[in-house]
Amino acid sequence: MLSLVICAVVLATVQGNVQGLGSIQLDSGSVNYDNFSEFKEAVNEELNEEIELLKESVAAANRSTDIMWLILSACLVFWMQAGFALVEVGTVSMKNTKNILVKNLLDACIGCMSFYVIGFAFAFGGNNGS
């Protein structure tokens, strides 16, 4: 018997037949609603505002994660450049050490400029709506 009463109340609520829903506490304050459609619209507005805030937060977190990964990867690449320089210096005679170090420095500088000119567009290019 109780389940029939619950079903009837749920059906009446879903169909908007319940009058005098009372009040609800929203961020905009306490508001009284007399029919279900007003109540539903108010709740939908509040939920849509919250969803938009969450979307903005997620987008900011994604951007921060992308930048953090870029910085970490750049640090690893520069440490690899230093390691390659040490390996190459160890395999040549002492008179060629300066040439090898300049070559490795130029390699790192050209890599940075190439990323700035070409790579950044591929990594963080504009959103084309997809």
Protein backbone atom coordinates (compact mmCIF):
# COMPACT_ATOMS: atom_id res chain seq x y z
CA MET A 1 0.00 0.00 0.00
CA LEU A 2 2.85 2.37 0.86
CA SER A 3 4.52 1.66 -2.49
CA LEU A 4 1.32 2.71 -4.30
CA VAL A 5 1.26 6.00 -2.42
CA ILE A 6 4.92 6.63 -3.25
CA CYS A 7 4.31 5.85 -6.92
CA ALA A 8 1.33 8.21 -7.01
CA VAL A 9 3.34 11.05 -5.43
CA VAL A 10 6.25 10.46 -7.83
CA LEU A 11 3.92 10.43 -10.85
CA ALA A 12 2.15 13.57 -9.70
CA THR A 13 5.47 15.29 -9.13
CA VAL A 14 6.85 14.27 -12.50
CA GLN A 15 3.73 15.46 -14.27
CA GLY A 16 3.83 18.77 -12.40
CA ASN A 17 0.49 18.28 -10.69
CA VAL A 18 1.77 18.97 -7.19
CA GLN A 19 0.87 22.49 -6.07
CA GLY A 20 2.58 24.44 -3.30
CA LEU A 21 6.04 22.86 -3.38
CA GLY A 22 7.13 25.18 -0.64
CA SER A 23 10.58 26.73 -0.67
CA ILE A 24 14.04 25.67 -1.70
CA GLN A 25 17.39 27.08 -0.61
CA LEU A 26 19.45 28.05 -3.65
CA ASP A 27 22.59 30.14 -4.01
CA SER A 28 20.42 33.06 -5.03
CA GLY A 29 18.48 32.79 -1.74
CA SER A 30 15.35 31.15 -0.43
CA VAL A 31 12.52 31.25 -2.98
CA ASN A 32 8.94 30.00 -2.80
CA TYR A 33 7.54 28.10 -5.77
CA ASP A 34 3.88 27.29 -6.32
CA ASN A 35 4.14 24.94 -9.26
CA PHE A 36 6.55 22.32 -10.46
CA SER A 37 7.58 24.04 -13.70
CA GLU A 38 8.85 27.15 -11.87
CA PHE A 39 10.73 24.92 -9.46
CA LYS A 40 12.21 22.88 -12.29
CA GLU A 41 13.35 25.98 -14.20
CA ALA A 42 15.00 27.46 -11.11
CA VAL A 43 16.86 24.23 -10.36
CA ASN A 44 17.92 23.90 -14.00
CA GLU A 45 19.30 27.45 -13.95
CA GLU A 46 21.31 26.74 -10.82
CA LEU A 47 22.60 23.45 -12.22
CA ASN A 48 23.56 25.04 -15.55
CA GLU A 49 25.53 27.74 -13.72
CA GLU A 50 27.35 25.09 -11.69
CA ILE A 51 28.07 23.04 -14.81
CA GLU A 52 29.57 26.07 -16.57
CA LEU A 53 31.80 26.77 -13.57
CA LEU A 54 32.94 23.15 -13.54
CA LYS A 55 33.68 23.24 -17.28
CA GLU A 56 35.82 26.34 -16.80
CA SER A 57 37.67 24.68 -13.91
CA VAL A 58 38.34 21.55 -15.93
CA ALA A 59 39.58 23.60 -18.89
CA ALA A 60 41.96 25.54 -16.63
CA ALA A 61 43.22 22.31 -15.04
CA ASN A 62 43.80 20.77 -18.48
CA ARG A 63 45.75 23.83 -19.62
CA SER A 64 47.84 23.78 -16.42
CA THR A 65 48.58 20.08 -16.89
CA ASP A 66 49.65 20.68 -20.50
CA ILE A 67 52.02 23.46 -19.47
CA MET A 68 53.46 21.41 -16.61
CA TRP A 69 54.10 18.47 -18.95
CA LEU A 70 55.78 20.81 -21.46
CA ILE A 71 58.11 22.21 -18.78
CA LEU A 72 58.97 18.74 -17.47
CA SER A 73 59.68 17.45 -20.97
CA ALA A 74 61.84 20.48 -21.79
CA CYS A 75 63.88 19.90 -18.63
CA LEU A 76 64.43 16.27 -19.57
CA VAL A 77 65.52 17.23 -23.09
CA PHE A 78 68.06 19.74 -21.77
CA TRP A 79 69.46 17.18 -19.34
CA MET A 80 69.79 14.76 -22.29
CA GLN A 81 71.64 17.48 -24.23
CA ALA A 82 74.08 17.84 -21.33
CA GLY A 83 74.54 14.07 -21.23
CA PHE A 84 75.21 13.89 -24.96
CA ALA A 85 77.75 16.71 -24.61
CA LEU A 86 79.59 14.81 -21.90
CA VAL A 87 79.57 11.59 -23.93
CA GLU A 88 80.86 13.36 -27.03
CA VAL A 89 83.54 15.28 -25.11
CA GLY A 90 84.74 11.99 -23.66
CA THR A 91 85.18 10.44 -27.10
CA VAL A 92 87.24 13.22 -28.77
CA SER A 93 90.68 14.61 -28.15
CA MET A 94 91.16 17.62 -25.89
CA LYS A 95 91.66 20.07 -28.76
CA ASN A 96 88.18 19.30 -30.19
CA THR A 97 86.32 19.69 -26.90
CA LYS A 98 85.36 23.31 -27.50
CA ASN A 99 83.97 22.50 -30.97
CA ILE A 100 81.82 19.67 -29.62
CA LEU A 101 80.42 21.84 -26.80
CA VAL A 102 79.59 24.69 -29.22
CA LYS A 103 77.91 22.19 -31.55
CA ASN A 104 75.76 20.87 -28.69
CA LEU A 105 74.87 24.42 -27.58
CA LEU A 106 73.83 25.33 -31.12
CA ASP A 107 71.84 22.10 -31.35
CA ALA A 108 69.86 23.06 -28.24
CA CYS A 109 69.32 26.65 -29.45
CA ILE A 110 68.15 25.54 -32.90
CA GLY A 111 65.84 22.99 -31.26
CA CYS A 112 64.27 25.72 -29.07
CA MET A 113 63.73 28.06 -32.01
CA SER A 114 62.29 25.25 -34.14
CA PHE A 115 59.82 24.37 -31.41
CA TYR A 116 58.84 28.02 -31.06
CA VAL A 117 58.30 28.43 -34.81
CA ILE A 118 56.78 25.04 -35.72
CA GLY A 119 56.24 22.73 -32.76
CA PHE A 120 54.12 24.98 -30.57
CA ALA A 121 51.44 25.21 -33.25
CA PHE A 122 51.22 21.42 -33.41
CA ALA A 123 51.25 20.99 -29.63
CA PHE A 124 48.90 23.82 -28.66
CA GLY A 125 47.26 24.91 -31.92
CA GLY A 126 43.89 26.59 -32.01
CA ASN A 127 40.71 24.63 -31.41
CA ASN A 128 38.91 24.05 -34.70
CA GLY A 129 35.67 22.99 -33.04
CA SER A 130 36.37 19.27 -32.94
